[in-house]
N, C-alpha and C. Protein backbone atom coordinates (compact mmCIF):
# COMPACT_ATOMS: atom_id res chain seq x y z
N UNK A 1 0.85 -1.17 0.00
CA UNK A 1 0.00 0.00 0.00
C UNK A 1 0.90 1.23 0.00
N UNK A 2 0.59 2.18 -0.86
CA UNK A 2 1.39 3.39 -0.97
C UNK A 2 1.26 4.25 0.29
N UNK A 3 2.30 5.00 0.58
CA UNK A 3 2.34 5.80 1.81
C UNK A 3 1.22 6.83 1.85
N UNK A 4 0.94 7.49 0.72
CA UNK A 4 -0.13 8.50 0.72
C UNK A 4 -1.49 7.85 0.95
N UNK A 5 -1.66 6.63 0.46
CA UNK A 5 -2.92 5.92 0.70
C UNK A 5 -3.03 5.49 2.17
N UNK A 6 -1.89 5.14 2.79
CA UNK A 6 -1.92 4.80 4.21
C UNK A 6 -2.33 6.00 5.05
N UNK A 7 -1.86 7.18 4.67
CA UNK A 7 -2.23 8.40 5.40
C UNK A 7 -3.73 8.63 5.27
N UNK A 8 -4.25 8.49 4.05
CA UNK A 8 -5.70 8.65 3.83
C UNK A 8 -6.48 7.61 4.63
N UNK A 9 -6.01 6.38 4.63
CA UNK A 9 -6.67 5.32 5.37
C UNK A 9 -6.62 5.57 6.87
N UNK A 10 -5.47 6.02 7.35
CA UNK A 10 -5.31 6.32 8.78
C UNK A 10 -6.28 7.42 9.20
N UNK A 11 -6.38 8.47 8.38
CA UNK A 11 -7.32 9.56 8.67
C UNK A 11 -8.76 9.07 8.70
N UNK A 12 -9.08 8.18 7.75
CA UNK A 12 -10.44 7.64 7.70
C UNK A 12 -10.73 6.79 8.94
N UNK A 13 -9.76 5.97 9.35
CA UNK A 13 -9.95 5.13 10.54
C UNK A 13 -10.18 6.00 11.77
N UNK A 14 -9.37 7.04 11.93
CA UNK A 14 -9.50 7.94 13.08
C UNK A 14 -10.88 8.60 13.09
N UNK A 15 -11.33 9.08 11.94
CA UNK A 15 -12.64 9.72 11.85
C UNK A 15 -13.76 8.72 12.17
N UNK A 16 -13.64 7.51 11.67
CA UNK A 16 -14.65 6.49 11.92
C UNK A 16 -14.68 6.11 13.40
N UNK A 17 -13.51 6.01 14.01
CA UNK A 17 -13.43 5.70 15.44
C UNK A 17 -14.16 6.77 16.25
N UNK A 18 -13.92 8.02 15.94
CA UNK A 18 -14.58 9.11 16.66
C UNK A 18 -16.10 9.05 16.49
N UNK A 19 -16.54 8.79 15.28
CA UNK A 19 -17.98 8.68 15.02
C UNK A 19 -18.58 7.50 15.79
N UNK A 20 -17.87 6.37 15.80
CA UNK A 20 -18.36 5.20 16.51
C UNK A 20 -18.44 5.44 18.01
N UNK A 21 -17.48 6.16 18.56
CA UNK A 21 -17.49 6.44 20.00
C UNK A 21 -18.74 7.24 20.37
N UNK A 22 -19.10 8.20 19.54
CA UNK A 22 -20.31 8.99 19.79
C UNK A 22 -21.55 8.10 19.68
N UNK A 23 -21.59 7.26 18.64
CA UNK A 23 -22.72 6.36 18.45
C UNK A 23 -22.85 5.39 19.63
N UNK A 24 -21.73 4.88 20.11
CA UNK A 24 -21.75 3.94 21.23
C UNK A 24 -22.30 4.61 22.48
N UNK A 25 -21.90 5.85 22.73
CA UNK A 25 -22.43 6.57 23.89
C UNK A 25 -23.94 6.77 23.78
N UNK A 26 -24.41 7.09 22.57
CA UNK A 26 -25.85 7.26 22.36
C UNK A 26 -26.58 5.94 22.58
N UNK A 27 -26.01 4.85 22.07
CA UNK A 27 -26.65 3.55 22.24
C UNK A 27 -26.64 3.11 23.70
N UNK A 28 -25.59 3.41 24.42
CA UNK A 28 -25.55 3.08 25.85
C UNK A 28 -26.67 3.82 26.59
N UNK A 29 -26.94 5.04 26.17
CA UNK A 29 -27.98 5.84 26.81
C UNK A 29 -29.37 5.24 26.57
N UNK A 30 -29.63 4.79 25.35
CA UNK A 30 -30.97 4.27 25.03
C UNK A 30 -31.15 2.82 25.46
N UNK A 31 -30.08 2.15 25.88
CA UNK A 31 -30.22 0.76 26.33
C UNK A 31 -30.26 0.64 27.85
N UNK A 32 -30.34 1.76 28.52
CA UNK A 32 -30.47 1.71 29.98
C UNK A 32 -31.81 1.05 30.34
N UNK A 33 -31.85 0.35 31.47
CA UNK A 33 -33.10 -0.31 31.87
C UNK A 33 -34.25 0.68 32.04
N UNK A 34 -35.45 0.18 31.77
CA UNK A 34 -36.65 0.99 31.89
C UNK A 34 -37.20 0.76 33.29
N UNK A 35 -37.30 1.82 34.05
CA UNK A 35 -37.78 1.70 35.43
C UNK A 35 -39.25 1.31 35.44
N UNK A 36 -39.63 0.34 36.29
CA UNK A 36 -41.03 -0.11 36.33
C UNK A 36 -42.00 0.97 36.80
N UNK A 37 -41.51 1.94 37.55
CA UNK A 37 -42.42 2.99 38.04
C UNK A 37 -42.81 4.00 36.96
N UNK A 38 -42.13 3.93 35.81
CA UNK A 38 -42.51 4.82 34.71
C UNK A 38 -43.80 4.31 34.08
N UNK A 39 -44.84 5.10 34.18
CA UNK A 39 -46.16 4.71 33.68
C UNK A 39 -46.24 4.97 32.19
N UNK A 40 -45.80 3.98 31.40
CA UNK A 40 -45.87 4.18 29.95
C UNK A 40 -46.86 3.21 29.30
N UNK A 41 -47.51 2.39 30.09
CA UNK A 41 -48.49 1.45 29.55
C UNK A 41 -47.85 0.13 29.15
N UNK A 42 -48.66 -0.90 29.16
CA UNK A 42 -48.14 -2.25 28.91
C UNK A 42 -47.62 -2.40 27.48
N UNK A 43 -48.38 -1.97 26.49
CA UNK A 43 -47.96 -2.09 25.10
C UNK A 43 -46.72 -1.23 24.84
N UNK A 44 -46.73 -0.02 25.35
CA UNK A 44 -45.58 0.87 25.16
C UNK A 44 -44.35 0.29 25.84
N UNK A 45 -44.53 -0.32 27.00
CA UNK A 45 -43.41 -0.94 27.70
C UNK A 45 -42.85 -2.09 26.87
N UNK A 46 -43.73 -2.88 26.25
CA UNK A 46 -43.28 -3.99 25.40
C UNK A 46 -42.50 -3.46 24.20
N UNK A 47 -43.00 -2.38 23.61
CA UNK A 47 -42.28 -1.75 22.50
C UNK A 47 -40.92 -1.25 22.95
N UNK A 48 -40.88 -0.63 24.12
CA UNK A 48 -39.63 -0.10 24.65
C UNK A 48 -38.62 -1.22 24.91
N UNK A 49 -39.10 -2.34 25.42
CA UNK A 49 -38.21 -3.48 25.68
C UNK A 49 -37.70 -4.05 24.36
N UNK A 50 -38.57 -4.13 23.36
CA UNK A 50 -38.16 -4.63 22.06
C UNK A 50 -37.13 -3.69 21.43
N UNK A 51 -37.40 -2.39 21.48
CA UNK A 51 -36.44 -1.41 20.93
C UNK A 51 -35.11 -1.48 21.66
N UNK A 52 -35.17 -1.72 22.95
CA UNK A 52 -33.94 -1.82 23.73
C UNK A 52 -33.12 -3.01 23.25
N UNK A 53 -33.77 -4.13 22.96
CA UNK A 53 -33.06 -5.31 22.46
C UNK A 53 -32.37 -5.02 21.13
N UNK A 54 -33.06 -4.32 20.25
CA UNK A 54 -32.48 -3.96 18.96
C UNK A 54 -31.28 -3.04 19.17
N UNK A 55 -31.43 -2.07 20.06
CA UNK A 55 -30.33 -1.14 20.34
C UNK A 55 -29.15 -1.84 21.00
N UNK A 56 -29.42 -2.84 21.85
CA UNK A 56 -28.33 -3.59 22.47
C UNK A 56 -27.54 -4.36 21.42
N UNK A 57 -28.23 -4.91 20.43
CA UNK A 57 -27.54 -5.62 19.34
C UNK A 57 -26.69 -4.65 18.54
N UNK A 58 -27.24 -3.47 18.26
CA UNK A 58 -26.47 -2.44 17.54
C UNK A 58 -25.26 -2.01 18.34
N UNK A 59 -25.42 -1.91 19.65
CA UNK A 59 -24.31 -1.53 20.53
C UNK A 59 -23.19 -2.57 20.46
N UNK A 60 -23.55 -3.84 20.51
CA UNK A 60 -22.53 -4.90 20.44
C UNK A 60 -21.77 -4.85 19.12
N UNK A 61 -22.49 -4.65 18.02
CA UNK A 61 -21.86 -4.56 16.70
C UNK A 61 -20.92 -3.36 16.63
N UNK A 62 -21.38 -2.22 17.13
CA UNK A 62 -20.56 -1.00 17.11
C UNK A 62 -19.31 -1.16 17.97
N UNK A 63 -19.44 -1.78 19.13
CA UNK A 63 -18.28 -1.98 20.01
C UNK A 63 -17.27 -2.93 19.37
N UNK A 64 -17.75 -3.96 18.69
CA UNK A 64 -16.84 -4.90 18.02
C UNK A 64 -16.11 -4.21 16.86
N UNK A 65 -16.84 -3.41 16.10
CA UNK A 65 -16.20 -2.68 14.99
C UNK A 65 -15.17 -1.70 15.53
N UNK A 66 -15.47 -1.04 16.64
CA UNK A 66 -14.53 -0.11 17.26
C UNK A 66 -13.24 -0.84 17.63
N UNK A 67 -13.34 -2.01 18.23
CA UNK A 67 -12.15 -2.79 18.60
C UNK A 67 -11.32 -3.13 17.36
N UNK A 68 -11.99 -3.55 16.30
CA UNK A 68 -11.29 -3.92 15.07
C UNK A 68 -10.60 -2.71 14.45
N UNK A 69 -11.27 -1.56 14.45
CA UNK A 69 -10.67 -0.35 13.88
C UNK A 69 -9.48 0.11 14.71
N UNK A 70 -9.59 0.03 16.03
CA UNK A 70 -8.47 0.42 16.89
C UNK A 70 -7.27 -0.50 16.65
N UNK A 71 -7.55 -1.79 16.46
CA UNK A 71 -6.49 -2.75 16.16
C UNK A 71 -5.85 -2.42 14.81
N UNK A 72 -6.67 -2.08 13.81
CA UNK A 72 -6.16 -1.72 12.48
C UNK A 72 -5.29 -0.46 12.57
N UNK A 73 -5.71 0.50 13.37
CA UNK A 73 -4.94 1.74 13.52
C UNK A 73 -3.57 1.46 14.13
N UNK A 74 -3.51 0.53 15.07
CA UNK A 74 -2.23 0.18 15.68
C UNK A 74 -1.31 -0.54 14.69
N UNK A 75 -1.89 -1.31 13.77
CA UNK A 75 -1.09 -2.13 12.87
C UNK A 75 -0.84 -1.50 11.51
N UNK A 76 -1.39 -0.32 11.25
CA UNK A 76 -1.32 0.25 9.90
C UNK A 76 0.11 0.51 9.44
N UNK A 77 1.01 0.77 10.36
CA UNK A 77 2.39 1.07 9.97
C UNK A 77 3.27 -0.18 9.93
N UNK A 78 2.72 -1.33 10.27
CA UNK A 78 3.48 -2.57 10.20
C UNK A 78 3.58 -3.03 8.74
N UNK A 79 4.68 -3.70 8.41
CA UNK A 79 4.87 -4.11 7.01
C UNK A 79 3.83 -5.11 6.49
N UNK A 80 3.22 -5.89 7.38
CA UNK A 80 2.24 -6.88 6.92
C UNK A 80 0.81 -6.35 6.93
N UNK A 81 0.63 -5.06 7.20
CA UNK A 81 -0.72 -4.49 7.14
C UNK A 81 -1.19 -4.52 5.70
N UNK A 82 -2.43 -4.95 5.50
CA UNK A 82 -2.99 -5.03 4.15
C UNK A 82 -2.68 -6.34 3.45
N UNK A 83 -2.11 -7.30 4.20
CA UNK A 83 -1.84 -8.63 3.67
C UNK A 83 -2.85 -9.59 4.30
N UNK A 84 -3.48 -10.39 3.46
CA UNK A 84 -4.47 -11.35 3.92
C UNK A 84 -3.82 -12.36 4.87
N UNK A 85 -4.48 -12.61 5.99
CA UNK A 85 -3.91 -13.53 6.97
C UNK A 85 -4.07 -15.00 6.55
N UNK A 86 -4.89 -15.27 5.54
CA UNK A 86 -5.09 -16.64 5.09
C UNK A 86 -4.21 -17.01 3.90
N UNK A 87 -4.19 -16.16 2.88
CA UNK A 87 -3.47 -16.51 1.65
C UNK A 87 -2.18 -15.71 1.46
N UNK A 88 -1.94 -14.74 2.33
CA UNK A 88 -0.74 -13.88 2.28
C UNK A 88 -0.63 -13.04 1.01
N UNK A 89 -1.74 -12.80 0.34
CA UNK A 89 -1.76 -11.91 -0.82
C UNK A 89 -2.25 -10.54 -0.35
N UNK A 90 -1.88 -9.49 -1.08
CA UNK A 90 -2.34 -8.15 -0.69
C UNK A 90 -3.87 -8.02 -0.76
N UNK A 91 -4.41 -7.37 0.25
CA UNK A 91 -5.84 -7.05 0.25
C UNK A 91 -6.00 -5.82 -0.64
N UNK A 92 -6.92 -5.83 -1.59
CA UNK A 92 -7.08 -4.68 -2.48
C UNK A 92 -7.32 -3.38 -1.69
N UNK A 93 -6.70 -2.30 -2.16
CA UNK A 93 -6.82 -1.01 -1.47
C UNK A 93 -8.26 -0.55 -1.38
N UNK A 94 -9.06 -0.84 -2.39
CA UNK A 94 -10.47 -0.46 -2.36
C UNK A 94 -11.20 -1.11 -1.19
N UNK A 95 -10.88 -2.38 -0.94
CA UNK A 95 -11.50 -3.08 0.20
C UNK A 95 -11.07 -2.44 1.51
N UNK A 96 -9.78 -2.10 1.61
CA UNK A 96 -9.28 -1.48 2.84
C UNK A 96 -9.87 -0.10 3.06
N UNK A 97 -10.13 0.63 1.97
CA UNK A 97 -10.73 1.95 2.11
C UNK A 97 -12.19 1.84 2.57
N UNK A 98 -12.87 0.79 2.13
CA UNK A 98 -14.27 0.61 2.54
C UNK A 98 -14.35 -0.03 3.92
N UNK A 99 -13.51 -1.03 4.15
CA UNK A 99 -13.50 -1.77 5.42
C UNK A 99 -12.07 -1.84 5.95
N UNK A 100 -11.60 -0.76 6.56
CA UNK A 100 -10.20 -0.74 7.00
C UNK A 100 -9.86 -1.80 8.03
N UNK A 101 -10.86 -2.38 8.65
CA UNK A 101 -10.61 -3.41 9.65
C UNK A 101 -10.41 -4.79 9.02
N UNK A 102 -10.49 -4.89 7.71
CA UNK A 102 -10.37 -6.17 7.01
C UNK A 102 -8.99 -6.79 7.25
N UNK A 103 -9.02 -8.09 7.53
CA UNK A 103 -7.75 -8.82 7.68
C UNK A 103 -7.65 -9.94 6.66
N UNK A 104 -8.71 -10.08 5.83
CA UNK A 104 -8.68 -11.07 4.77
C UNK A 104 -9.10 -10.42 3.45
N UNK A 105 -8.64 -11.02 2.36
CA UNK A 105 -9.05 -10.55 1.04
C UNK A 105 -10.49 -11.02 0.79
N UNK A 106 -11.07 -10.58 -0.30
CA UNK A 106 -12.46 -10.92 -0.61
C UNK A 106 -12.63 -12.42 -0.76
N UNK A 107 -11.71 -13.06 -1.48
CA UNK A 107 -11.84 -14.50 -1.69
C UNK A 107 -11.79 -15.28 -0.39
N UNK A 108 -10.85 -14.96 0.48
CA UNK A 108 -10.72 -15.68 1.76
C UNK A 108 -11.85 -15.34 2.71
N UNK A 109 -12.44 -14.16 2.60
CA UNK A 109 -13.53 -13.77 3.49
C UNK A 109 -14.79 -14.58 3.22
N UNK A 110 -14.89 -15.16 2.03
CA UNK A 110 -16.07 -15.95 1.68
C UNK A 110 -16.11 -17.29 2.40
N UNK A 111 -14.99 -17.73 2.92
CA UNK A 111 -14.92 -19.06 3.55
C UNK A 111 -14.98 -19.00 5.04
């Protein structure tokens, strides 16, 4: 990967990390338990519990992506960054720009 592309990728990872941190804080806020003394009605409470479950799933996905991006940011300057861990071929730059946390090429990711 060319040095100028690594700089662009590093900037993108940093920006994405910051955005994810904000999203995670928002999701943590909406996944707080619903107090039983809040009179919102039985149906509304069921909707709130369902929405909370969806938000908890989104929170887990966002936290996992954050970990992967932070790991990618630490490894971006290593010589094997952008090399598939399965086949040892270079991961296409387009894939890294879209998914900087990728550790496998497209072919290996299918398996």
